[in-house]
């Protein structure tokens, strides 16, 4: 069985607990949908440039060098904006161009993953998965999250919305138990979230499209 080796560069520690699982599940799903289930997708290796590498474009080049020999390097950047175009232009393309200019000694199959605002918006897309992780039977409206997955990109402060959903879920429990903190939600949500539902979020759909194009270029 052939193995697919992935590398991932994320912006924050919380992203490290969510995105590697989502990336692996997404690649496996794309391959299965294209009748390539005989490829073993390894968990992405999270890379980190040295702390003294300040310029983002240079950091992307550094991790591209670290990922030499890997099939794909995925670069994460939160948009922190209503659309991902600004982040792609300012925070992704300069680094990708540096890698293209370098050519040798780097992983040159690069894919961007750009959640609108921040990754916590994706964590709000599947209300049922969130219910299970929190441990509540409250519906989306009672939790204070959007009913439609695509609406999560309109939330200006998704992290605060997620924290409020946790609080709402525990406020009406008849038996008190320890309320989970936000950090405890990332991994279980990444495992449980329905990718069909998440695919209705435009930023995730764009990631699928870009990832599929790269897998085709790799003849996978």
N, C-alpha and C. Protein backbone atom coordinates (compact mmCIF):
# COMPACT_ATOMS: atom_id res chain seq x y z
N UNK A 1 0.84 -1.19 0.00
CA UNK A 1 0.00 0.00 0.00
C UNK A 1 0.88 1.25 0.00
N UNK A 2 0.56 2.19 -0.85
CA UNK A 2 1.31 3.43 -0.93
C UNK A 2 0.90 4.37 0.19
N UNK A 3 1.85 5.11 0.74
CA UNK A 3 1.57 6.06 1.80
C UNK A 3 1.64 7.48 1.26
N UNK A 4 0.73 8.32 1.72
CA UNK A 4 0.72 9.73 1.37
C UNK A 4 1.20 10.51 2.60
N UNK A 5 2.28 11.27 2.42
CA UNK A 5 2.91 11.96 3.54
C UNK A 5 2.60 13.46 3.45
N UNK A 6 2.02 13.99 4.51
CA UNK A 6 1.57 15.38 4.53
C UNK A 6 2.31 16.15 5.62
N UNK A 7 2.50 17.44 5.38
CA UNK A 7 3.02 18.35 6.39
C UNK A 7 2.04 19.50 6.53
N UNK A 8 2.04 20.11 7.70
CA UNK A 8 1.06 21.15 8.00
C UNK A 8 1.71 22.26 8.82
N UNK A 9 1.47 23.48 8.41
CA UNK A 9 1.94 24.65 9.17
C UNK A 9 0.71 25.43 9.61
N UNK A 10 0.52 25.55 10.92
CA UNK A 10 -0.68 26.22 11.46
C UNK A 10 -0.27 27.47 12.22
N UNK A 11 -1.27 28.30 12.52
CA UNK A 11 -0.98 29.59 13.16
C UNK A 11 -0.90 29.50 14.69
N UNK A 12 -1.67 28.61 15.31
CA UNK A 12 -1.71 28.60 16.76
C UNK A 12 -1.80 27.21 17.34
N UNK A 13 -1.58 27.11 18.65
CA UNK A 13 -1.59 25.82 19.33
C UNK A 13 -2.95 25.15 19.26
N UNK A 14 -4.02 25.91 19.38
CA UNK A 14 -5.35 25.30 19.31
C UNK A 14 -5.61 24.72 17.92
N UNK A 15 -5.07 25.38 16.88
CA UNK A 15 -5.23 24.87 15.52
C UNK A 15 -4.55 23.52 15.36
N UNK A 16 -3.47 23.29 16.11
CA UNK A 16 -2.75 22.02 16.05
C UNK A 16 -3.59 20.86 16.55
N UNK A 17 -4.59 21.16 17.37
CA UNK A 17 -5.44 20.10 17.92
C UNK A 17 -6.62 19.79 17.01
N UNK A 18 -6.91 20.68 16.08
CA UNK A 18 -8.09 20.51 15.23
C UNK A 18 -7.74 20.20 13.77
N UNK A 19 -6.87 21.01 13.19
CA UNK A 19 -6.63 20.91 11.75
C UNK A 19 -5.97 19.61 11.29
N UNK A 20 -4.98 19.05 12.00
CA UNK A 20 -4.39 17.80 11.49
C UNK A 20 -5.43 16.70 11.28
N UNK A 21 -6.38 16.58 12.18
CA UNK A 21 -7.41 15.55 12.06
C UNK A 21 -8.32 15.86 10.88
N UNK A 22 -8.72 17.12 10.74
CA UNK A 22 -9.58 17.52 9.62
C UNK A 22 -8.87 17.29 8.29
N UNK A 23 -7.61 17.66 8.23
CA UNK A 23 -6.84 17.48 6.99
C UNK A 23 -6.75 16.01 6.61
N UNK A 24 -6.39 15.16 7.56
CA UNK A 24 -6.27 13.73 7.28
C UNK A 24 -7.60 13.14 6.83
N UNK A 25 -8.67 13.46 7.54
CA UNK A 25 -10.00 12.95 7.17
C UNK A 25 -10.41 13.45 5.78
N UNK A 26 -10.07 14.69 5.47
CA UNK A 26 -10.46 15.26 4.18
C UNK A 26 -9.73 14.59 3.03
N UNK A 27 -8.42 14.39 3.19
CA UNK A 27 -7.65 13.72 2.15
C UNK A 27 -8.16 12.30 1.94
N UNK A 28 -8.41 11.58 3.03
CA UNK A 28 -8.93 10.21 2.92
C UNK A 28 -10.26 10.20 2.17
N UNK A 29 -11.08 11.18 2.45
CA UNK A 29 -12.40 11.25 1.81
C UNK A 29 -12.28 11.54 0.32
N UNK A 30 -11.40 12.46 -0.04
CA UNK A 30 -11.20 12.78 -1.46
C UNK A 30 -10.71 11.55 -2.21
N UNK A 31 -9.73 10.86 -1.64
CA UNK A 31 -9.18 9.67 -2.30
C UNK A 31 -10.23 8.58 -2.44
N UNK A 32 -11.03 8.38 -1.40
CA UNK A 32 -12.08 7.37 -1.46
C UNK A 32 -13.11 7.72 -2.52
N UNK A 33 -13.45 8.99 -2.63
CA UNK A 33 -14.42 9.43 -3.63
C UNK A 33 -13.91 9.25 -5.05
N UNK A 34 -12.59 9.13 -5.18
CA UNK A 34 -11.99 8.92 -6.49
C UNK A 34 -11.43 7.50 -6.61
N UNK A 35 -11.99 6.60 -5.82
CA UNK A 35 -11.64 5.17 -5.89
C UNK A 35 -10.15 4.92 -5.65
N UNK A 36 -9.57 5.66 -4.72
CA UNK A 36 -8.17 5.48 -4.36
C UNK A 36 -8.04 5.11 -2.88
N UNK A 37 -8.83 4.15 -2.45
CA UNK A 37 -8.85 3.77 -1.04
C UNK A 37 -7.65 2.93 -0.64
N UNK A 38 -6.78 2.57 -1.59
CA UNK A 38 -5.61 1.75 -1.27
C UNK A 38 -4.41 2.60 -0.87
N UNK A 39 -4.60 3.92 -0.72
CA UNK A 39 -3.52 4.81 -0.31
C UNK A 39 -3.66 5.11 1.17
N UNK A 40 -2.61 4.90 1.92
CA UNK A 40 -2.62 5.13 3.36
C UNK A 40 -2.21 6.59 3.63
N UNK A 41 -3.14 7.35 4.18
CA UNK A 41 -2.89 8.76 4.47
C UNK A 41 -2.34 8.87 5.90
N UNK A 42 -1.09 9.24 6.02
CA UNK A 42 -0.48 9.35 7.35
C UNK A 42 -0.93 10.65 8.02
N UNK A 43 -0.97 10.66 9.35
CA UNK A 43 -1.31 11.91 10.06
C UNK A 43 -0.34 13.01 9.68
N UNK A 44 -0.84 14.20 9.38
CA UNK A 44 0.07 15.30 8.98
C UNK A 44 1.08 15.62 10.08
N UNK A 45 2.30 15.87 9.67
CA UNK A 45 3.32 16.30 10.60
C UNK A 45 3.24 17.83 10.71
N UNK A 46 3.02 18.33 11.93
CA UNK A 46 2.94 19.77 12.15
C UNK A 46 4.35 20.34 12.26
N UNK A 47 4.66 21.27 11.38
CA UNK A 47 5.98 21.87 11.33
C UNK A 47 5.96 23.27 11.94
N UNK A 48 7.11 23.69 12.44
CA UNK A 48 7.21 25.01 13.04
C UNK A 48 8.58 25.61 12.71
N UNK A 49 8.60 26.81 12.14
CA UNK A 49 9.89 27.44 11.85
C UNK A 49 10.54 27.95 13.13
N UNK A 50 11.84 28.25 13.10
CA UNK A 50 12.50 28.82 14.27
C UNK A 50 11.82 30.11 14.72
N UNK A 51 11.85 30.38 15.99
CA UNK A 51 11.17 31.55 16.55
C UNK A 51 11.71 32.86 16.01
N UNK A 52 12.96 32.88 15.58
CA UNK A 52 13.53 34.13 15.10
C UNK A 52 13.20 34.41 13.63
N UNK A 53 12.40 33.54 13.00
CA UNK A 53 11.96 33.78 11.63
C UNK A 53 10.69 34.62 11.69
N UNK A 54 10.82 35.93 11.46
CA UNK A 54 9.72 36.85 11.73
C UNK A 54 8.80 37.04 10.54
N UNK A 55 9.35 37.18 9.35
CA UNK A 55 8.52 37.43 8.18
C UNK A 55 7.75 36.17 7.80
N UNK A 56 6.44 36.33 7.57
CA UNK A 56 5.61 35.15 7.30
C UNK A 56 6.03 34.44 6.01
N UNK A 57 6.36 35.20 4.97
CA UNK A 57 6.79 34.56 3.73
C UNK A 57 8.03 33.72 3.96
N UNK A 58 8.95 34.22 4.77
CA UNK A 58 10.16 33.47 5.07
C UNK A 58 9.84 32.23 5.90
N UNK A 59 8.86 32.34 6.80
CA UNK A 59 8.46 31.17 7.60
C UNK A 59 7.89 30.07 6.70
N UNK A 60 7.11 30.46 5.71
CA UNK A 60 6.57 29.47 4.77
C UNK A 60 7.71 28.78 4.02
N UNK A 61 8.70 29.57 3.60
CA UNK A 61 9.85 28.97 2.91
C UNK A 61 10.59 28.01 3.82
N UNK A 62 10.76 28.38 5.08
CA UNK A 62 11.47 27.51 6.03
C UNK A 62 10.75 26.18 6.20
N UNK A 63 9.42 26.22 6.39
CA UNK A 63 8.71 24.96 6.58
C UNK A 63 8.64 24.16 5.28
N UNK A 64 8.68 24.84 4.12
CA UNK A 64 8.74 24.13 2.85
C UNK A 64 10.06 23.37 2.73
N UNK A 65 11.12 23.95 3.28
CA UNK A 65 12.40 23.23 3.31
C UNK A 65 12.33 22.05 4.28
N UNK A 66 11.69 22.27 5.42
CA UNK A 66 11.54 21.18 6.39
C UNK A 66 10.71 20.04 5.80
N UNK A 67 9.79 20.38 4.90
CA UNK A 67 8.89 19.38 4.34
C UNK A 67 9.42 18.76 3.05
N UNK A 68 10.68 18.97 2.76
CA UNK A 68 11.28 18.37 1.56
C UNK A 68 11.08 16.86 1.57
N UNK A 69 10.59 16.33 0.48
CA UNK A 69 10.32 14.90 0.37
C UNK A 69 8.90 14.51 0.73
N UNK A 70 8.14 15.43 1.31
CA UNK A 70 6.73 15.18 1.60
C UNK A 70 5.90 15.40 0.33
N UNK A 71 4.75 14.77 0.27
CA UNK A 71 3.91 14.94 -0.91
C UNK A 71 3.28 16.33 -0.97
N UNK A 72 2.71 16.78 0.16
CA UNK A 72 1.98 18.05 0.18
C UNK A 72 2.29 18.79 1.48
N UNK A 73 2.46 20.10 1.37
CA UNK A 73 2.57 20.97 2.53
C UNK A 73 1.35 21.88 2.56
N UNK A 74 0.61 21.86 3.65
CA UNK A 74 -0.60 22.66 3.79
C UNK A 74 -0.30 23.83 4.72
N UNK A 75 -0.60 25.02 4.25
CA UNK A 75 -0.33 26.25 4.99
C UNK A 75 -1.64 26.86 5.46
N UNK A 76 -1.75 27.06 6.77
CA UNK A 76 -2.98 27.61 7.36
C UNK A 76 -2.80 29.09 7.65
N UNK A 77 -3.83 29.86 7.33
CA UNK A 77 -3.86 31.29 7.68
C UNK A 77 -5.31 31.69 7.90
N UNK A 78 -5.64 32.16 9.10
CA UNK A 78 -6.98 32.69 9.34
C UNK A 78 -7.15 33.97 8.56
N UNK A 79 -8.34 34.13 7.96
CA UNK A 79 -8.58 35.33 7.16
C UNK A 79 -8.71 36.57 8.04
N UNK A 80 -9.38 36.42 9.20
CA UNK A 80 -9.66 37.57 10.06
C UNK A 80 -10.31 38.69 9.25
N UNK A 81 -11.18 38.29 8.33
CA UNK A 81 -11.77 39.22 7.36
C UNK A 81 -13.01 38.52 6.79
N UNK A 82 -14.00 39.28 6.29
CA UNK A 82 -15.20 38.63 5.75
C UNK A 82 -14.96 37.68 4.59
N UNK A 83 -13.86 37.85 3.86
CA UNK A 83 -13.54 36.95 2.75
C UNK A 83 -12.08 36.53 2.87
N UNK A 84 -11.70 35.40 2.25
CA UNK A 84 -10.32 34.91 2.37
C UNK A 84 -9.33 35.56 1.41
N UNK A 85 -9.81 36.37 0.46
CA UNK A 85 -8.94 36.88 -0.59
C UNK A 85 -7.79 37.73 -0.03
N UNK A 86 -8.09 38.57 0.95
CA UNK A 86 -7.07 39.44 1.52
C UNK A 86 -5.96 38.62 2.18
N UNK A 87 -6.34 37.60 2.95
CA UNK A 87 -5.35 36.74 3.60
C UNK A 87 -4.54 35.97 2.57
N UNK A 88 -5.20 35.49 1.53
CA UNK A 88 -4.48 34.75 0.50
C UNK A 88 -3.44 35.65 -0.17
N UNK A 89 -3.82 36.88 -0.47
CA UNK A 89 -2.93 37.80 -1.16
C UNK A 89 -1.77 38.25 -0.27
N UNK A 90 -2.06 38.53 1.00
CA UNK A 90 -1.06 39.12 1.89
C UNK A 90 -0.26 38.09 2.68
N UNK A 91 -0.87 36.93 3.01
CA UNK A 91 -0.24 36.02 3.96
C UNK A 91 0.11 34.66 3.38
N UNK A 92 -0.39 34.39 2.17
CA UNK A 92 -0.12 33.10 1.54
C UNK A 92 0.73 33.25 0.29
N UNK A 93 0.29 34.07 -0.65
CA UNK A 93 0.95 34.16 -1.95
C UNK A 93 2.42 34.58 -1.89
N UNK A 94 2.81 35.55 -1.02
CA UNK A 94 4.25 35.89 -0.97
C UNK A 94 5.13 34.70 -0.58
N UNK A 95 4.67 33.90 0.36
CA UNK A 95 5.43 32.73 0.76
C UNK A 95 5.44 31.66 -0.32
N UNK A 96 4.31 31.46 -0.96
CA UNK A 96 4.25 30.47 -2.05
C UNK A 96 5.19 30.89 -3.18
N UNK A 97 5.26 32.20 -3.44
CA UNK A 97 6.14 32.68 -4.51
C UNK A 97 7.60 32.45 -4.15
N UNK A 98 7.96 32.65 -2.89
CA UNK A 98 9.33 32.37 -2.45
C UNK A 98 9.69 30.91 -2.67
N UNK A 99 8.76 30.03 -2.36
CA UNK A 99 9.00 28.59 -2.55
C UNK A 99 9.16 28.28 -4.04
N UNK A 100 8.32 28.88 -4.88
CA UNK A 100 8.43 28.64 -6.33
C UNK A 100 9.77 29.13 -6.87
N UNK A 101 10.24 30.24 -6.35
CA UNK A 101 11.53 30.77 -6.80
C UNK A 101 12.69 29.90 -6.34
N UNK A 102 12.54 29.27 -5.17
CA UNK A 102 13.61 28.44 -4.62
C UNK A 102 13.76 27.13 -5.40
N UNK A 103 12.62 26.51 -5.73
CA UNK A 103 12.56 25.31 -6.57
C UNK A 103 13.17 24.08 -5.91
N UNK A 104 14.47 24.09 -5.64
CA UNK A 104 15.15 22.89 -5.16
C UNK A 104 15.18 22.85 -3.63
N UNK A 105 15.13 21.65 -3.09
CA UNK A 105 15.26 21.47 -1.65
C UNK A 105 14.04 21.86 -0.85
N UNK A 106 12.88 21.91 -1.51
CA UNK A 106 11.64 22.29 -0.84
C UNK A 106 10.51 21.36 -1.29
N UNK A 107 9.44 21.33 -0.50
CA UNK A 107 8.20 20.72 -0.95
C UNK A 107 7.47 21.77 -1.77
N UNK A 108 7.28 21.51 -3.03
CA UNK A 108 6.67 22.53 -3.90
C UNK A 108 5.21 22.26 -4.23
N UNK A 109 4.61 21.31 -3.54
CA UNK A 109 3.17 21.09 -3.67
C UNK A 109 2.51 21.71 -2.44
N UNK A 110 2.07 22.95 -2.59
CA UNK A 110 1.55 23.72 -1.48
C UNK A 110 0.05 23.93 -1.63
N UNK A 111 -0.66 23.83 -0.52
CA UNK A 111 -2.10 24.06 -0.49
C UNK A 111 -2.42 24.97 0.68
N UNK A 112 -3.23 25.99 0.44
CA UNK A 112 -3.63 26.90 1.52
C UNK A 112 -4.94 26.45 2.15
N UNK A 113 -5.06 26.69 3.44
CA UNK A 113 -6.32 26.47 4.14
C UNK A 113 -6.62 27.76 4.90
N UNK A 114 -7.69 28.46 4.49
CA UNK A 114 -7.94 29.81 4.99
C UNK A 114 -9.37 29.92 5.52
N UNK A 115 -9.58 29.58 6.78
CA UNK A 115 -10.90 29.79 7.38
C UNK A 115 -11.21 31.28 7.47
N UNK A 116 -12.45 31.65 7.16
CA UNK A 116 -12.87 33.03 7.36
C UNK A 116 -12.93 33.30 8.86
N UNK A 117 -12.37 34.41 9.28
CA UNK A 117 -12.21 34.78 10.69
C UNK A 117 -11.19 33.88 11.37
N UNK A 118 -11.62 32.68 11.81
CA UNK A 118 -10.71 31.75 12.48
C UNK A 118 -11.30 30.35 12.46
N UNK A 119 -10.49 29.36 12.83
CA UNK A 119 -10.89 27.96 12.70
C UNK A 119 -12.08 27.61 13.58
N UNK A 120 -12.32 28.36 14.65
CA UNK A 120 -13.46 28.08 15.52
C UNK A 120 -14.78 28.21 14.78
N UNK A 121 -14.81 28.97 13.68
CA UNK A 121 -16.04 29.06 12.89
C UNK A 121 -16.42 27.68 12.32
N UNK A 122 -15.42 26.92 11.88
CA UNK A 122 -15.69 25.58 11.36
C UNK A 122 -16.24 24.67 12.45
N UNK A 123 -15.82 24.90 13.68
CA UNK A 123 -16.26 24.07 14.80
C UNK A 123 -17.73 24.29 15.13
N UNK A 124 -18.31 25.36 14.59
CA UNK A 124 -19.72 25.66 14.82
C UNK A 124 -20.62 25.12 13.71
N UNK A 125 -20.04 24.55 12.67
CA UNK A 125 -20.81 24.19 11.48
C UNK A 125 -21.77 23.02 11.70
N UNK A 126 -21.35 22.05 12.49
CA UNK A 126 -22.16 20.84 12.71
C UNK A 126 -22.72 20.87 14.13
N UNK A 127 -23.97 21.31 14.24
CA UNK A 127 -24.60 21.45 15.56
C UNK A 127 -24.70 20.14 16.32
N UNK A 128 -24.99 19.05 15.61
CA UNK A 128 -25.14 17.76 16.28
C UNK A 128 -23.82 17.27 16.87
N UNK A 129 -22.74 17.48 16.13
CA UNK A 129 -21.42 17.09 16.66
C UNK A 129 -21.09 17.92 17.90
N UNK A 130 -21.41 19.20 17.85
CA UNK A 130 -21.15 20.06 19.00
C UNK A 130 -21.99 19.64 20.21
N UNK A 131 -23.24 19.27 19.96
CA UNK A 131 -24.10 18.78 21.04
C UNK A 131 -23.48 17.57 21.73
N UNK A 132 -22.97 16.63 20.94
CA UNK A 132 -22.40 15.41 21.50
C UNK A 132 -21.16 15.72 22.33
N UNK A 133 -20.32 16.59 21.83
CA UNK A 133 -19.07 16.90 22.54
C UNK A 133 -19.36 17.64 23.84
N UNK A 134 -20.31 18.57 23.78
CA UNK A 134 -20.67 19.32 24.99
C UNK A 134 -21.44 18.43 25.96
N UNK A 135 -22.26 17.53 25.40
CA UNK A 135 -23.08 16.66 26.23
C UNK A 135 -24.42 17.29 26.55
N UNK A 136 -25.09 17.79 25.53
CA UNK A 136 -26.39 18.44 25.72
C UNK A 136 -27.32 18.06 24.59
N UNK A 137 -28.64 18.18 24.85
CA UNK A 137 -29.61 17.93 23.80
C UNK A 137 -30.25 19.23 23.30
N UNK A 138 -29.69 20.37 23.68
CA UNK A 138 -30.20 21.65 23.21
C UNK A 138 -29.97 21.78 21.70
N UNK A 139 -30.93 22.38 21.01
CA UNK A 139 -30.78 22.57 19.57
C UNK A 139 -29.87 23.76 19.28
N UNK A 140 -29.60 23.99 17.97
CA UNK A 140 -28.67 25.04 17.57
C UNK A 140 -29.11 26.41 18.07
N UNK A 141 -30.41 26.68 17.99
CA UNK A 141 -30.91 27.99 18.42
C UNK A 141 -30.66 28.21 19.91
N UNK A 142 -30.91 27.17 20.71
CA UNK A 142 -30.71 27.29 22.15
C UNK A 142 -29.24 27.41 22.52
N UNK A 143 -28.38 26.78 21.72
CA UNK A 143 -26.94 26.89 21.96
C UNK A 143 -26.40 28.23 21.49
N UNK A 144 -27.15 28.89 20.60
CA UNK A 144 -26.70 30.18 20.09
C UNK A 144 -25.78 30.08 18.89
N UNK A 145 -25.94 29.00 18.10
CA UNK A 145 -25.11 28.83 16.91
C UNK A 145 -26.01 28.83 15.67
N UNK A 146 -25.46 29.12 14.49
CA UNK A 146 -26.26 29.17 13.27
C UNK A 146 -26.90 27.82 12.92
N UNK A 147 -28.09 27.89 12.33
CA UNK A 147 -28.76 26.67 11.89
C UNK A 147 -28.15 26.13 10.59
N UNK A 148 -27.66 27.04 9.74
CA UNK A 148 -27.10 26.66 8.45
C UNK A 148 -25.57 26.76 8.50
N UNK A 149 -24.86 25.72 8.07
CA UNK A 149 -23.39 25.71 8.16
C UNK A 149 -22.72 26.92 7.50
N UNK A 150 -23.24 27.33 6.34
CA UNK A 150 -22.60 28.43 5.62
C UNK A 150 -22.68 29.76 6.37
N UNK A 151 -23.57 29.81 7.37
CA UNK A 151 -23.72 31.05 8.13
C UNK A 151 -22.59 31.29 9.13
N UNK A 152 -21.79 30.27 9.40
CA UNK A 152 -20.73 30.43 10.40
C UNK A 152 -19.68 31.44 9.96
N UNK A 153 -19.53 31.63 8.64
CA UNK A 153 -18.51 32.56 8.17
C UNK A 153 -18.90 34.01 8.42
N UNK A 154 -20.15 34.26 8.78
CA UNK A 154 -20.60 35.62 9.06
C UNK A 154 -20.39 36.00 10.53
N UNK A 155 -19.99 35.03 11.36
CA UNK A 155 -19.79 35.30 12.78
C UNK A 155 -18.46 36.03 12.97
N UNK A 156 -18.50 37.22 13.57
CA UNK A 156 -17.30 38.04 13.71
C UNK A 156 -16.37 37.47 14.78
N UNK A 157 -16.93 36.92 15.87
CA UNK A 157 -16.12 36.36 16.95
C UNK A 157 -16.53 34.90 17.20
N UNK A 158 -16.14 33.98 16.32
CA UNK A 158 -16.57 32.59 16.47
C UNK A 158 -16.08 31.92 17.75
N UNK A 159 -14.91 32.32 18.23
CA UNK A 159 -14.41 31.71 19.47
C UNK A 159 -15.32 32.07 20.63
N UNK A 160 -15.76 33.31 20.70
CA UNK A 160 -16.67 33.73 21.76
C UNK A 160 -18.02 33.02 21.62
N UNK A 161 -18.47 32.84 20.38
CA UNK A 161 -19.72 32.12 20.15
C UNK A 161 -19.62 30.68 20.62
N UNK A 162 -18.47 30.07 20.40
CA UNK A 162 -18.25 28.69 20.82
C UNK A 162 -18.24 28.59 22.35
N UNK A 163 -17.58 29.52 23.00
CA UNK A 163 -17.56 29.54 24.47
C UNK A 163 -18.97 29.73 25.01
N UNK A 164 -19.74 30.61 24.39
CA UNK A 164 -21.11 30.86 24.83
C UNK A 164 -21.97 29.61 24.63
N UNK A 165 -21.73 28.86 23.54
CA UNK A 165 -22.48 27.63 23.30
C UNK A 165 -22.21 26.61 24.41
N UNK A 166 -20.96 26.52 24.85
CA UNK A 166 -20.63 25.62 25.96
C UNK A 166 -21.39 26.03 27.21
N UNK A 167 -21.39 27.31 27.50
CA UNK A 167 -22.08 27.82 28.69
C UNK A 167 -23.58 27.58 28.60
N UNK A 168 -24.14 27.81 27.42
CA UNK A 168 -25.58 27.57 27.23
C UNK A 168 -25.92 26.09 27.41
N UNK A 169 -25.03 25.22 26.89
CA UNK A 169 -25.28 23.79 26.98
C UNK A 169 -25.29 23.29 28.41
N UNK A 170 -24.51 23.90 29.29
CA UNK A 170 -24.42 23.45 30.67
C UNK A 170 -25.38 24.17 31.60
N UNK A 171 -25.90 25.30 31.14
CA UNK A 171 -26.76 26.09 32.02
C UNK A 171 -28.05 25.36 32.38
N UNK A 172 -28.52 24.47 31.49
CA UNK A 172 -29.81 23.81 31.71
C UNK A 172 -29.69 22.34 32.09
N UNK A 173 -28.49 21.91 32.41
CA UNK A 173 -28.33 20.52 32.81
C UNK A 173 -28.90 20.32 34.21
N UNK A 174 -29.68 19.27 34.36
CA UNK A 174 -30.28 19.00 35.67
C UNK A 174 -29.25 18.51 36.67
N UNK A 175 -28.28 17.75 36.18
CA UNK A 175 -27.21 17.27 37.04
C UNK A 175 -25.93 17.99 36.67
N UNK A 176 -25.34 18.64 37.63
CA UNK A 176 -24.14 19.42 37.36
C UNK A 176 -22.91 18.51 37.25
N UNK A 177 -22.16 18.74 36.23
CA UNK A 177 -20.89 18.05 36.08
C UNK A 177 -19.88 19.10 35.63
N UNK A 178 -18.66 18.71 35.57
CA UNK A 178 -17.62 19.68 35.24
C UNK A 178 -17.78 20.15 33.81
N UNK A 179 -17.86 21.45 33.65
CA UNK A 179 -18.01 22.04 32.32
C UNK A 179 -16.70 21.94 31.56
N UNK A 180 -16.73 21.42 30.32
CA UNK A 180 -15.48 21.32 29.57
C UNK A 180 -14.98 22.71 29.19
N UNK A 181 -13.66 22.88 29.15
CA UNK A 181 -13.13 24.15 28.66
C UNK A 181 -13.01 24.08 27.15
N UNK A 182 -12.80 25.23 26.55
CA UNK A 182 -12.76 25.30 25.09
C UNK A 182 -11.69 24.39 24.51
N UNK A 183 -10.54 24.33 25.17
CA UNK A 183 -9.44 23.53 24.65
C UNK A 183 -9.75 22.05 24.53
N UNK A 184 -10.69 21.57 25.33
CA UNK A 184 -11.02 20.14 25.31
C UNK A 184 -11.93 19.77 24.14
N UNK A 185 -12.41 20.76 23.38
CA UNK A 185 -13.35 20.49 22.31
C UNK A 185 -12.69 20.24 20.96
N UNK A 186 -11.47 20.72 20.77
CA UNK A 186 -10.88 20.73 19.43
C UNK A 186 -10.73 19.33 18.83
N UNK A 187 -10.10 18.43 19.56
CA UNK A 187 -9.86 17.09 19.00
C UNK A 187 -11.14 16.29 18.81
N UNK A 188 -12.03 16.19 19.83
CA UNK A 188 -13.25 15.42 19.61
C UNK A 188 -14.14 16.00 18.51
N UNK A 189 -14.20 17.31 18.39
CA UNK A 189 -15.00 17.90 17.32
C UNK A 189 -14.39 17.59 15.95
N UNK A 190 -13.07 17.63 15.86
CA UNK A 190 -12.41 17.30 14.60
C UNK A 190 -12.71 15.87 14.17
N UNK A 191 -12.87 14.97 15.15
CA UNK A 191 -13.19 13.57 14.84
C UNK A 191 -14.66 13.39 14.47
N UNK A 192 -15.55 14.16 15.11
CA UNK A 192 -16.99 13.93 14.96
C UNK A 192 -17.65 14.76 13.88
N UNK A 193 -17.10 15.92 13.55
CA UNK A 193 -17.79 16.81 12.64
C UNK A 193 -18.06 16.13 11.30
N UNK A 194 -19.27 16.29 10.81
CA UNK A 194 -19.69 15.69 9.55
C UNK A 194 -19.09 16.49 8.40
N UNK A 195 -18.25 15.86 7.61
CA UNK A 195 -17.57 16.58 6.53
C UNK A 195 -18.53 17.02 5.44
N UNK A 196 -19.64 16.29 5.26
CA UNK A 196 -20.65 16.73 4.30
C UNK A 196 -21.26 18.06 4.73
N UNK A 197 -21.44 18.21 6.04
CA UNK A 197 -21.97 19.47 6.56
C UNK A 197 -20.90 20.56 6.48
N UNK A 198 -19.69 20.23 6.87
CA UNK A 198 -18.61 21.21 6.82
C UNK A 198 -18.35 21.69 5.40
N UNK A 199 -18.62 20.84 4.43
CA UNK A 199 -18.39 21.19 3.03
C UNK A 199 -19.30 22.33 2.56
N UNK A 200 -20.36 22.58 3.30
CA UNK A 200 -21.25 23.69 2.96
C UNK A 200 -20.67 25.05 3.35
N UNK A 201 -19.58 25.01 4.10
CA UNK A 201 -18.86 26.24 4.45
C UNK A 201 -17.92 26.57 3.29
N UNK A 202 -18.08 27.72 2.63
CA UNK A 202 -17.30 28.02 1.42
C UNK A 202 -15.80 27.90 1.56
N UNK A 203 -15.24 28.32 2.68
CA UNK A 203 -13.78 28.25 2.85
C UNK A 203 -13.29 26.81 2.87
N UNK A 204 -14.07 25.92 3.47
CA UNK A 204 -13.68 24.51 3.48
C UNK A 204 -13.83 23.91 2.09
N UNK A 205 -14.87 24.29 1.37
CA UNK A 205 -15.05 23.80 0.00
C UNK A 205 -13.88 24.24 -0.88
N UNK A 206 -13.39 25.45 -0.68
CA UNK A 206 -12.23 25.91 -1.44
C UNK A 206 -11.01 25.07 -1.12
N UNK A 207 -10.84 24.72 0.14
CA UNK A 207 -9.73 23.86 0.54
C UNK A 207 -9.83 22.50 -0.16
N UNK A 208 -11.02 21.94 -0.21
CA UNK A 208 -11.21 20.66 -0.91
C UNK A 208 -10.83 20.79 -2.38
N UNK A 209 -11.28 21.86 -3.01
CA UNK A 209 -10.99 22.06 -4.44
C UNK A 209 -9.48 22.15 -4.68
N UNK A 210 -8.79 22.95 -3.86
CA UNK A 210 -7.35 23.13 -4.03
C UNK A 210 -6.60 21.83 -3.74
N UNK A 211 -7.05 21.12 -2.72
CA UNK A 211 -6.42 19.86 -2.35
C UNK A 211 -6.61 18.82 -3.45
N UNK A 212 -7.81 18.77 -4.02
CA UNK A 212 -8.09 17.82 -5.10
C UNK A 212 -7.21 18.10 -6.31
N UNK A 213 -7.06 19.37 -6.66
CA UNK A 213 -6.20 19.76 -7.78
C UNK A 213 -4.76 19.29 -7.56
N UNK A 214 -4.28 19.44 -6.33
CA UNK A 214 -2.91 19.01 -6.01
C UNK A 214 -2.76 17.51 -6.06
N UNK A 215 -3.74 16.79 -5.55
CA UNK A 215 -3.69 15.32 -5.60
C UNK A 215 -3.70 14.82 -7.05
N UNK A 216 -4.44 15.51 -7.91
CA UNK A 216 -4.46 15.15 -9.33
C UNK A 216 -3.08 15.40 -9.94
N UNK A 217 -2.47 16.53 -9.57
CA UNK A 217 -1.12 16.85 -10.09
C UNK A 217 -0.11 15.81 -9.65
N UNK A 218 -0.35 15.20 -8.49
CA UNK A 218 0.54 14.15 -7.97
C UNK A 218 0.17 12.77 -8.52
N UNK A 219 -0.81 12.73 -9.42
CA UNK A 219 -1.29 11.47 -10.01
C UNK A 219 -1.82 10.51 -8.97
N UNK A 220 -2.48 11.07 -7.95
CA UNK A 220 -3.06 10.25 -6.88
C UNK A 220 -4.58 10.21 -6.98
